[in-house]
Amino acid sequence: MNSRCSVHIYIIKELPELFYSRLADVVTPLWRLSYEEQLKVKFEAQKKILQRLESYIQMLNGVNVTTAVPKSESLPCLLHPIIPSPVINGYRNKSTFSVNRGPDGNPKTVGYYLGTWRDGNIVCVRSNNLKNIPEKHSQVAQYYEVFLRQSPLEPCLVFHEGGYWRELIVRTNSQGHTMAIITFHPQKLSQEELHVQKETVKEFFIRGPGAACDLTSLYFQESTMTRCSHQQSPYQLLFGEPYIFEELLSLKIRISPDAFFQINTAGAEMLYRTVGELTGVNSDTILLDICCGTGVIGLSLAQHTSQVLGIELVEQAVEDARWTAAFNGITNSEFHTGRAEKILPGLLKSKEDGQSVVAVVNPARAGLHYKVIQAIRNCRAIRTLVFVSCKLHGESTRNIIELCCPPDSAKKLLGEPFVLQQAVPVDLFPHTPHCELVLLFTR
């Protein structure tokens, strides 16, 4: 073999490894560091976030930050050591895989995006080498890719260009049960044609090559939008169990395909224990769980409180919370479906009778609606607030500032301001720069 052929073969062989390494640097940028070094990086990052927050709070209170304590030393509260994740590799219980062109140009490649849409250099790379993805998730993704490559239908890469097969979501629990959810753009297919596609993918995962995945359940969702809730387009169960279940904090928890659940189960247990310790609830306390997801925080503390009130936007998650309460014999909980900014003010009006209310908020990265902050500030019964944030930037930072700022009638922030007392970083995302930060406020 001549040297030119040798070089060509070498490049083809090494190219996938190059893409895998680049993907790991994007999705899990701390993967090259030891876990101890990762924790140091994250702790310093949380420290800087709190220092920046302290500067904002000082300015709101009329303190000249240029003459105050140097920013490098000033923290608004007691910062506890970071709590490490009990599981470091393969910890994700939910993964979302995209479909697009791979490094070899094949549009039926299942994995994670590398590059940007703006630069027009998007490539889809398999997840095999990502340290945070379990082998089971990568296995299901690989078999979905096998299915796509034998399907006569094209993938939907760009909505206005047509195509059908879209992303794959894989959820697993600590018992090894696996739920897969396939998203499909129906375009102009008839119901009969859609039925054929559903039966084909069902057959592939029950009796075809995909049977190796041993799925507990397979869902199919027809979606013409980037993200589509169960209410907008129902998840259709093709086979198997409709839910997966998890054991956490002595509770059996039901999880629907659409419900939010922390992606690191073992880490979530550490997070929820931390939240419980900071709330300081007792038998005279009403616990208000805002953005409660499947209700785990409130339900895990129900035995120590007089009542748990949960609010959650996703209807399936609320149904899961109610099921979990009933199954575990919890009778002092109540869960409400809808937007917190609409439900919370009315719910709090009935709690001004002197009974102590402790609020826990665990919002999405977008933070809380300003009306939720108004309702919390203006409810005198709430003396303690625990705020959980995985990204204390943007709207979440504004949330904290409005909780702590002096009364402002123009913003309808009339209640006494909260004071930040303690902060506890909890790592749920090894190999990434992300970290949960649990903040305790009192007034």
Protein backbone atom coordinates (compact mmCIF):
# COMPACT_ATOMS: atom_id res chain seq x y z
CA MET A 1 0.00 0.00 0.00
CA ASN A 2 1.45 3.40 -0.95
CA SER A 3 1.91 6.20 1.60
CA ARG A 4 -0.99 8.31 0.26
CA CYS A 5 -3.45 5.43 0.85
CA SER A 6 -2.01 4.86 4.33
CA VAL A 7 -2.55 8.51 5.28
CA HIS A 8 -6.11 8.42 3.92
CA ILE A 9 -7.01 5.34 5.95
CA TYR A 10 -5.41 6.84 9.07
CA ILE A 11 -7.49 10.03 8.74
CA ILE A 12 -10.75 8.10 8.27
CA LYS A 13 -9.95 6.01 11.33
CA GLU A 14 -9.01 8.96 13.56
CA LEU A 15 -11.73 11.37 12.45
CA PRO A 16 -14.51 9.96 14.68
CA GLU A 17 -12.24 10.12 17.74
CA LEU A 18 -11.55 13.79 17.01
CA PHE A 19 -15.28 14.55 16.92
CA TYR A 20 -15.91 12.54 20.11
CA SER A 21 -13.21 14.51 21.93
CA ARG A 22 -14.53 17.86 20.69
CA LEU A 23 -18.07 16.92 21.73
CA ALA A 24 -16.87 15.95 25.21
CA ASP A 25 -15.18 19.35 25.53
CA VAL A 26 -18.46 21.09 24.68
CA VAL A 27 -20.96 18.97 26.64
CA THR A 28 -18.70 18.06 29.59
CA PRO A 29 -15.93 20.71 29.59
CA LEU A 30 -14.49 19.62 32.97
CA TRP A 31 -14.08 15.95 32.01
CA ARG A 32 -10.28 16.14 31.82
CA LEU A 33 -10.03 17.25 35.48
CA SER A 34 -10.14 14.94 38.49
CA TYR A 35 -13.44 15.17 40.35
CA GLU A 36 -11.74 16.90 43.29
CA GLU A 37 -10.45 19.58 40.90
CA GLN A 38 -13.91 19.91 39.33
CA LEU A 39 -15.42 20.61 42.76
CA LYS A 40 -12.83 23.32 43.42
CA VAL A 41 -13.66 25.00 40.11
CA LYS A 42 -17.38 24.89 40.86
CA PHE A 43 -17.01 26.17 44.41
CA GLU A 44 -15.01 29.18 43.22
CA ALA A 45 -17.63 29.84 40.54
CA GLN A 46 -20.44 29.82 43.14
CA LYS A 47 -18.35 32.10 45.34
CA LYS A 48 -18.01 34.63 42.51
CA ILE A 49 -21.76 34.49 41.84
CA LEU A 50 -22.46 35.31 45.49
CA GLN A 51 -19.87 38.11 45.48
CA ARG A 52 -21.57 39.66 42.46
CA LEU A 53 -24.93 39.29 44.18
CA GLU A 54 -23.57 41.03 47.29
CA SER A 55 -22.49 44.02 45.17
CA TYR A 56 -26.01 44.32 43.74
CA ILE A 57 -27.63 44.08 47.18
CA GLN A 58 -25.24 46.67 48.65
CA MET A 59 -26.03 49.11 45.85
CA LEU A 60 -29.77 48.63 46.42
CA ASN A 61 -29.25 49.53 50.06
CA GLY A 62 -27.29 52.67 49.19
CA VAL A 63 -23.82 51.34 50.00
CA ASN A 64 -20.97 52.73 47.92
CA VAL A 65 -19.38 49.48 46.78
CA THR A 66 -16.11 51.23 45.88
CA THR A 67 -15.53 52.08 49.57
CA ALA A 68 -17.12 48.95 51.05
CA VAL A 69 -15.41 45.63 51.78
CA PRO A 70 -13.29 44.58 48.76
CA LYS A 71 -15.33 42.49 46.33
CA SER A 72 -12.90 39.58 46.55
CA GLU A 73 -13.69 39.17 50.26
CA SER A 74 -17.32 40.20 50.44
CA LEU A 75 -19.98 37.48 50.63
CA PRO A 76 -23.63 38.14 51.44
CA CYS A 77 -24.01 35.04 53.61
CA LEU A 78 -22.43 31.91 55.03
CA LEU A 79 -21.19 29.77 52.14
CA HIS A 80 -21.01 26.07 53.01
CA PRO A 81 -18.58 23.61 51.34
CA ILE A 82 -19.84 22.07 48.13
CA ILE A 83 -21.70 18.75 48.50
CA PRO A 84 -20.34 16.26 45.93
CA SER A 85 -22.42 13.99 43.75
CA PRO A 86 -22.49 10.36 45.01
CA VAL A 87 -22.28 9.23 41.37
CA ILE A 88 -19.70 10.77 39.03
CA ASN A 89 -20.07 8.91 35.71
CA GLY A 90 -23.19 7.92 33.77
CA TYR A 91 -25.41 9.71 36.27
CA ARG A 92 -28.06 11.13 33.92
CA ASN A 93 -31.50 9.53 34.21
CA LYS A 94 -32.76 11.48 31.19
CA SER A 95 -31.03 12.22 27.88
CA THR A 96 -32.31 13.97 24.76
CA PHE A 97 -30.75 12.96 21.44
CA SER A 98 -31.00 14.96 18.23
CA VAL A 99 -31.11 13.70 14.65
CA ASN A 100 -28.99 15.37 11.98
CA ARG A 101 -26.00 14.94 9.67
CA GLY A 102 -23.10 13.08 11.23
CA PRO A 103 -19.38 13.61 10.61
CA ASP A 104 -19.76 11.35 7.53
CA GLY A 105 -22.64 13.45 6.18
CA ASN A 106 -25.34 10.87 6.90
CA PRO A 107 -28.50 12.83 7.92
CA LYS A 108 -29.77 9.86 9.93
CA THR A 109 -27.25 10.20 12.75
CA VAL A 110 -28.44 10.25 16.37
CA GLY A 111 -26.45 12.11 19.00
CA TYR A 112 -25.51 15.57 20.27
CA TYR A 113 -24.90 18.73 18.30
CA LEU A 114 -21.42 20.08 17.73
CA GLY A 115 -21.05 23.52 16.13
CA THR A 116 -23.63 26.31 15.86
CA TRP A 117 -26.61 27.04 13.64
CA ARG A 118 -25.36 30.61 13.23
CA ASP A 119 -22.08 29.44 11.71
CA GLY A 120 -23.81 26.74 9.68
CA ASN A 121 -21.38 24.04 10.85
CA ILE A 122 -23.74 21.81 12.86
CA VAL A 123 -22.77 18.14 13.00
CA CYS A 124 -24.47 15.40 15.03
CA VAL A 125 -22.03 13.22 17.01
CA ARG A 126 -22.83 9.98 18.85
CA SER A 127 -22.74 10.17 22.66
CA ASN A 128 -20.57 7.07 23.24
CA ASN A 129 -17.66 8.94 24.85
CA LEU A 130 -19.61 11.34 27.08
CA LYS A 131 -18.93 10.56 30.73
CA ASN A 132 -22.30 11.80 32.00
CA ILE A 133 -24.40 9.58 29.69
CA PRO A 134 -25.20 6.00 30.83
CA GLU A 135 -24.39 3.17 28.43
CA LYS A 136 -28.09 2.27 28.29
CA HIS A 137 -28.99 5.71 26.89
CA SER A 138 -26.29 5.49 24.23
CA GLN A 139 -27.43 1.96 23.36
CA VAL A 140 -31.03 3.09 22.74
CA ALA A 141 -29.77 6.03 20.67
CA GLN A 142 -27.61 3.71 18.54
CA TYR A 143 -30.54 1.38 17.85
CA TYR A 144 -32.78 4.33 17.00
CA GLU A 145 -30.12 5.29 14.47
CA VAL A 146 -30.19 1.75 13.05
CA PHE A 147 -33.97 2.05 12.73
CA LEU A 148 -33.77 5.43 10.99
CA ARG A 149 -31.25 4.17 8.46
CA GLN A 150 -33.54 1.36 7.40
CA SER A 151 -36.67 3.55 7.35
CA PRO A 152 -37.78 4.88 3.92
CA LEU A 153 -38.86 8.16 5.59
CA GLU A 154 -36.38 11.02 5.87
CA PRO A 155 -35.53 12.73 9.16
CA CYS A 156 -36.90 16.19 9.92
CA LEU A 157 -33.75 18.33 10.09
CA VAL A 158 -35.36 21.71 9.35
CA PHE A 159 -39.13 22.05 9.75
CA HIS A 160 -39.85 23.93 6.52
CA GLU A 161 -37.79 21.44 4.48
CA GLY A 162 -39.97 18.45 5.38
CA GLY A 163 -38.93 15.11 6.84
CA TYR A 164 -40.43 13.10 9.68
CA TRP A 165 -38.19 11.44 12.29
CA ARG A 166 -37.01 13.77 15.03
CA GLU A 167 -35.45 13.58 18.48
CA LEU A 168 -35.29 10.73 20.96
CA ILE A 169 -35.66 11.04 24.75
CA VAL A 170 -34.49 8.22 27.02
CA ARG A 171 -35.43 8.03 30.70
CA THR A 172 -34.16 5.39 33.12
CA ASN A 173 -34.46 4.66 36.84
CA SER A 174 -32.14 3.08 39.38
CA GLN A 175 -33.80 -0.31 38.85
CA GLY A 176 -32.71 -0.30 35.20
CA HIS A 177 -36.13 0.31 33.65
CA THR A 178 -36.03 2.30 30.41
CA MET A 179 -38.60 4.59 28.81
CA ALA A 180 -38.00 5.87 25.25
CA ILE A 181 -39.93 8.72 23.62
CA ILE A 182 -39.71 9.29 19.86
CA THR A 183 -40.79 12.63 18.38
CA PHE A 184 -42.19 12.58 14.86
CA HIS A 185 -43.26 15.39 12.51
CA PRO A 186 -46.45 14.11 10.81
CA GLN A 187 -46.22 16.54 7.85
CA LYS A 188 -49.24 15.57 5.69
CA LEU A 189 -49.38 11.85 6.43
CA SER A 190 -52.84 10.32 6.82
CA GLN A 191 -53.86 8.54 10.03
CA GLU A 192 -53.40 5.21 8.23
CA GLU A 193 -49.86 6.15 7.16
CA LEU A 194 -49.05 7.33 10.68
CA HIS A 195 -50.33 4.03 12.05
CA VAL A 196 -47.94 2.14 9.75
CA GLN A 197 -44.96 4.13 11.05
CA LYS A 198 -45.95 3.58 14.69
CA GLU A 199 -46.35 -0.15 14.12
CA THR A 200 -43.00 -0.32 12.31
CA VAL A 201 -41.02 1.35 15.10
CA LYS A 202 -42.92 -0.67 17.71
CA GLU A 203 -42.06 -3.94 15.92
CA PHE A 204 -38.39 -2.88 15.67
CA PHE A 205 -38.08 -2.43 19.45
CA ILE A 206 -40.19 -5.44 20.44
CA ARG A 207 -39.08 -8.15 18.03
CA GLY A 208 -36.48 -6.52 15.79
CA PRO A 209 -32.86 -5.52 16.49
CA GLY A 210 -34.06 -2.86 18.98
CA ALA A 211 -35.30 -5.62 21.32
CA ALA A 212 -31.73 -5.68 22.65
CA CYS A 213 -32.56 -2.40 24.44
CA ASP A 214 -35.17 -4.20 26.59
CA LEU A 215 -37.38 -1.10 26.78
CA THR A 216 -39.91 -0.91 29.60
CA SER A 217 -42.03 1.46 27.52
CA LEU A 218 -42.01 3.22 24.15
CA TYR A 219 -43.86 6.48 23.52
CA PHE A 220 -44.54 8.26 20.25
CA GLN A 221 -45.35 11.97 19.97
CA GLU A 222 -46.51 13.75 16.83
CA SER A 223 -45.16 17.29 17.01
CA THR A 224 -45.06 20.19 14.58
CA MET A 225 -43.22 22.41 17.11
CA THR A 226 -39.71 22.44 18.53
CA ARG A 227 -41.03 21.59 21.99
CA CYS A 228 -44.50 20.19 22.54
CA SER A 229 -46.19 19.38 25.86
CA HIS A 230 -48.49 16.43 26.52
CA GLN A 231 -51.43 18.86 26.54
CA GLN A 232 -50.47 20.22 23.10
CA SER A 233 -49.87 16.81 21.57
CA PRO A 234 -50.39 13.71 23.76
CA TYR A 235 -47.67 11.14 24.25
CA GLN A 236 -48.95 7.91 22.67
CA LEU A 237 -47.90 4.73 24.46
CA LEU A 238 -46.92 2.18 21.79
CA PHE A 239 -46.11 -0.56 24.29
CA GLY A 240 -45.11 -1.20 27.88
CA GLU A 241 -45.71 0.52 31.21
CA PRO A 242 -47.05 4.10 31.12
CA TYR A 243 -44.71 5.29 33.90
CA ILE A 244 -41.37 4.59 35.45
CA PHE A 245 -40.92 4.66 39.21
CA GLU A 246 -38.08 5.74 41.44
CA GLU A 247 -37.21 5.23 45.10
CA LEU A 248 -36.07 8.44 46.77
CA LEU A 249 -36.03 9.57 50.42
CA SER A 250 -38.14 6.54 51.44
CA LEU A 251 -40.79 7.46 48.87
CA LYS A 252 -41.91 5.56 45.78
CA ILE A 253 -42.23 8.22 43.08
CA ARG A 254 -44.14 8.00 39.81
CA ILE A 255 -42.61 9.72 36.77
CA SER A 256 -44.58 10.46 33.59
CA PRO A 257 -42.86 11.03 30.22
CA ASP A 258 -43.44 14.80 30.45
CA ALA A 259 -42.67 15.31 34.16
CA PHE A 260 -39.61 17.13 35.50
CA PHE A 261 -37.33 15.06 37.70
CA GLN A 262 -33.77 15.96 38.67
CA ILE A 263 -31.46 14.27 36.15
CA ASN A 264 -29.10 12.89 38.82
CA THR A 265 -31.16 10.67 41.15
CA ALA A 266 -28.48 10.06 43.79
CA GLY A 267 -27.52 13.74 43.69
CA ALA A 268 -31.18 14.76 43.96
CA GLU A 269 -31.41 12.91 47.26
CA MET A 270 -28.51 15.02 48.60
CA LEU A 271 -30.13 18.17 47.22
CA TYR A 272 -33.54 17.48 48.77
CA ARG A 273 -32.01 16.56 52.14
CA THR A 274 -30.19 19.90 52.09
CA VAL A 275 -33.40 21.77 51.25
CA GLY A 276 -35.24 19.95 54.06
CA GLU A 277 -32.59 20.84 56.63
CA LEU A 278 -32.63 24.52 55.66
CA THR A 279 -36.44 24.88 55.77
CA GLY A 280 -36.58 24.17 59.51
CA VAL A 281 -40.22 23.07 59.20
CA ASN A 282 -42.23 21.76 62.15
CA SER A 283 -45.74 20.48 62.86
CA ASP A 284 -47.13 24.04 62.85
CA THR A 285 -45.64 24.92 59.45
CA ILE A 286 -47.31 25.06 56.05
CA LEU A 287 -44.79 24.15 53.35
CA LEU A 288 -45.37 25.91 50.04
CA ASP A 289 -43.58 24.09 47.18
CA ILE A 290 -43.50 26.36 44.11
CA CYS A 291 -42.52 24.81 40.75
CA CYS A 292 -42.78 21.48 42.55
CA GLY A 293 -42.41 19.07 39.60
CA THR A 294 -43.42 15.61 40.83
CA GLY A 295 -43.70 16.99 44.38
CA VAL A 296 -40.73 15.18 45.89
CA ILE A 297 -39.44 18.05 48.07
CA GLY A 298 -42.79 18.72 49.70
CA LEU A 299 -43.78 15.07 50.05
CA SER A 300 -40.44 14.15 51.63
CA LEU A 301 -41.12 16.75 54.36
CA ALA A 302 -44.86 16.16 54.71
CA GLN A 303 -44.53 14.14 57.93
CA HIS A 304 -42.81 17.12 59.59
CA THR A 305 -45.34 19.79 58.52
CA SER A 306 -49.02 20.55 59.04
CA GLN A 307 -49.68 20.84 55.29
CA VAL A 308 -47.87 20.74 51.93
CA LEU A 309 -49.14 22.97 49.10
CA GLY A 310 -47.57 22.36 45.67
CA ILE A 311 -47.86 24.37 42.46
CA GLU A 312 -46.70 23.05 39.09
CA LEU A 313 -47.34 24.00 35.46
CA VAL A 314 -47.11 20.49 33.95
CA GLU A 315 -50.36 18.61 34.52
CA GLN A 316 -48.76 15.17 34.22
CA ALA A 317 -46.28 16.06 36.96
CA VAL A 318 -49.11 17.13 39.28
CA GLU A 319 -50.90 13.84 38.60
CA ASP A 320 -47.65 12.05 39.49
CA ALA A 321 -47.36 14.05 42.73
CA ARG A 322 -50.94 13.16 43.73
CA TRP A 323 -50.31 9.48 42.92
CA THR A 324 -47.08 9.51 44.94
CA ALA A 325 -48.86 11.11 47.91
CA ALA A 326 -51.68 8.54 47.80
CA PHE A 327 -49.38 5.54 47.32
CA ASN A 328 -47.15 6.60 50.23
CA GLY A 329 -50.10 7.32 52.54
CA ILE A 330 -49.54 11.09 52.68
CA THR A 331 -52.83 12.84 53.43
CA ASN A 332 -51.76 16.41 54.23
CA SER A 333 -50.72 17.46 50.72
CA GLU A 334 -52.51 19.42 48.03
CA PHE A 335 -51.25 20.04 44.49
CA HIS A 336 -52.41 22.70 42.03
CA THR A 337 -51.89 22.76 38.26
CA GLY A 338 -51.14 26.04 36.50
CA ARG A 339 -48.88 29.05 36.38
CA ALA A 340 -47.55 29.99 39.81
CA GLU A 341 -48.11 33.70 39.15
CA LYS A 342 -51.85 33.04 38.72
CA ILE A 343 -52.39 30.48 41.51
CA LEU A 344 -50.07 31.76 44.24
CA PRO A 345 -51.68 35.12 45.16
CA GLY A 346 -55.09 33.52 45.81
CA LEU A 347 -53.53 30.59 47.65
CA LEU A 348 -51.59 32.92 49.96
CA LYS A 349 -54.54 35.16 50.84
CA SER A 350 -55.94 32.39 53.01
CA LYS A 351 -52.61 31.98 54.84
CA GLU A 352 -52.48 35.36 56.58
CA ASP A 353 -54.02 33.99 59.77
CA GLY A 354 -50.78 33.82 61.72
CA GLN A 355 -49.73 30.30 60.72
CA SER A 356 -46.09 30.11 59.65
CA VAL A 357 -45.46 29.45 55.96
CA VAL A 358 -42.12 28.21 54.61
CA ALA A 359 -41.73 28.54 50.85
CA VAL A 360 -39.47 26.44 48.61
CA VAL A 361 -38.92 27.53 45.01
CA ASN A 362 -37.10 25.44 42.42
CA PRO A 363 -37.72 27.29 39.15
CA ALA A 364 -36.50 26.52 35.65
CA ARG A 365 -33.43 28.40 34.40
CA ALA A 366 -35.66 31.26 33.26
CA GLY A 367 -36.40 32.06 36.92
CA LEU A 368 -39.70 33.07 38.54
CA HIS A 369 -42.34 35.35 37.06
CA TYR A 370 -42.24 38.80 38.72
CA LYS A 371 -45.81 38.30 40.03
CA VAL A 372 -44.61 35.24 41.98
CA ILE A 373 -41.92 37.37 43.60
CA GLN A 374 -44.55 40.01 44.41
CA ALA A 375 -46.81 37.40 46.02
CA ILE A 376 -43.97 35.97 48.13
CA ARG A 377 -42.76 39.42 49.23
CA ASN A 378 -46.25 40.59 50.13
CA CYS A 379 -47.29 37.52 52.13
CA ARG A 380 -46.33 38.33 55.70
CA ALA A 381 -46.79 34.71 56.76
CA ILE A 382 -43.73 33.64 54.71
CA ARG A 383 -40.76 34.19 57.03
CA THR A 384 -38.47 31.56 55.52
CA LEU A 385 -37.72 30.96 51.84
CA VAL A 386 -35.44 28.35 50.27
CA PHE A 387 -34.49 29.16 46.66
CA VAL A 388 -32.89 26.44 44.51
CA SER A 389 -31.11 27.58 41.35
CA CYS A 390 -29.00 25.70 38.81
CA LYS A 391 -28.06 28.91 37.02
CA LEU A 392 -28.07 32.10 39.08
CA HIS A 393 -27.91 34.52 36.17
CA GLY A 394 -30.32 36.83 34.34
CA GLU A 395 -33.89 36.51 35.58
CA SER A 396 -32.90 34.40 38.60
CA THR A 397 -30.54 37.16 39.75
CA ARG A 398 -33.34 39.70 39.34
CA ASN A 399 -35.55 37.40 41.44
CA ILE A 400 -33.02 37.47 44.29
CA ILE A 401 -32.57 41.25 44.05
CA GLU A 402 -36.34 41.82 44.22
CA LEU A 403 -36.62 39.51 47.21
CA CYS A 404 -33.92 41.45 49.07
CA CYS A 405 -34.45 45.06 47.94
CA PRO A 406 -36.12 47.72 50.13
CA PRO A 407 -39.93 48.03 49.73
CA ASP A 408 -40.82 49.49 46.34
CA SER A 409 -44.42 50.59 45.76
CA ALA A 410 -43.82 51.12 42.04
CA LYS A 411 -42.95 47.41 41.70
CA LYS A 412 -45.65 46.42 44.20
CA LEU A 413 -42.98 44.95 46.48
CA LEU A 414 -44.57 46.09 49.74
CA GLY A 415 -43.51 43.39 52.20
CA GLU A 416 -40.44 43.36 54.38
CA PRO A 417 -37.32 42.35 52.39
CA PHE A 418 -35.70 38.95 52.81
CA VAL A 419 -32.13 38.56 54.01
CA LEU A 420 -29.84 35.92 52.48
CA GLN A 421 -28.48 33.82 55.35
CA GLN A 422 -26.85 30.67 53.94
CA ALA A 423 -25.79 29.17 50.62
CA VAL A 424 -25.07 25.49 49.95
CA PRO A 425 -23.68 24.36 46.56
CA VAL A 426 -24.77 20.83 45.61
CA ASP A 427 -23.16 19.18 42.60
CA LEU A 428 -25.64 17.28 40.44
CA PHE A 429 -23.71 17.65 37.18
CA PRO A 430 -20.18 16.16 37.31
CA HIS A 431 -17.89 16.95 34.34
CA THR A 432 -19.90 20.12 33.56
CA PRO A 433 -19.51 23.63 35.06
CA HIS A 434 -23.10 23.54 36.36
CA CYS A 435 -24.05 23.22 40.01
CA GLU A 436 -27.21 23.62 42.08
CA LEU A 437 -27.08 26.45 44.62
CA VAL A 438 -29.47 26.27 47.57
CA LEU A 439 -30.12 29.67 49.19
CA LEU A 440 -31.77 30.25 52.57
CA PHE A 441 -33.60 33.57 53.09
CA THR A 442 -35.34 34.77 56.24
CA ARG A 443 -37.09 37.94 57.41
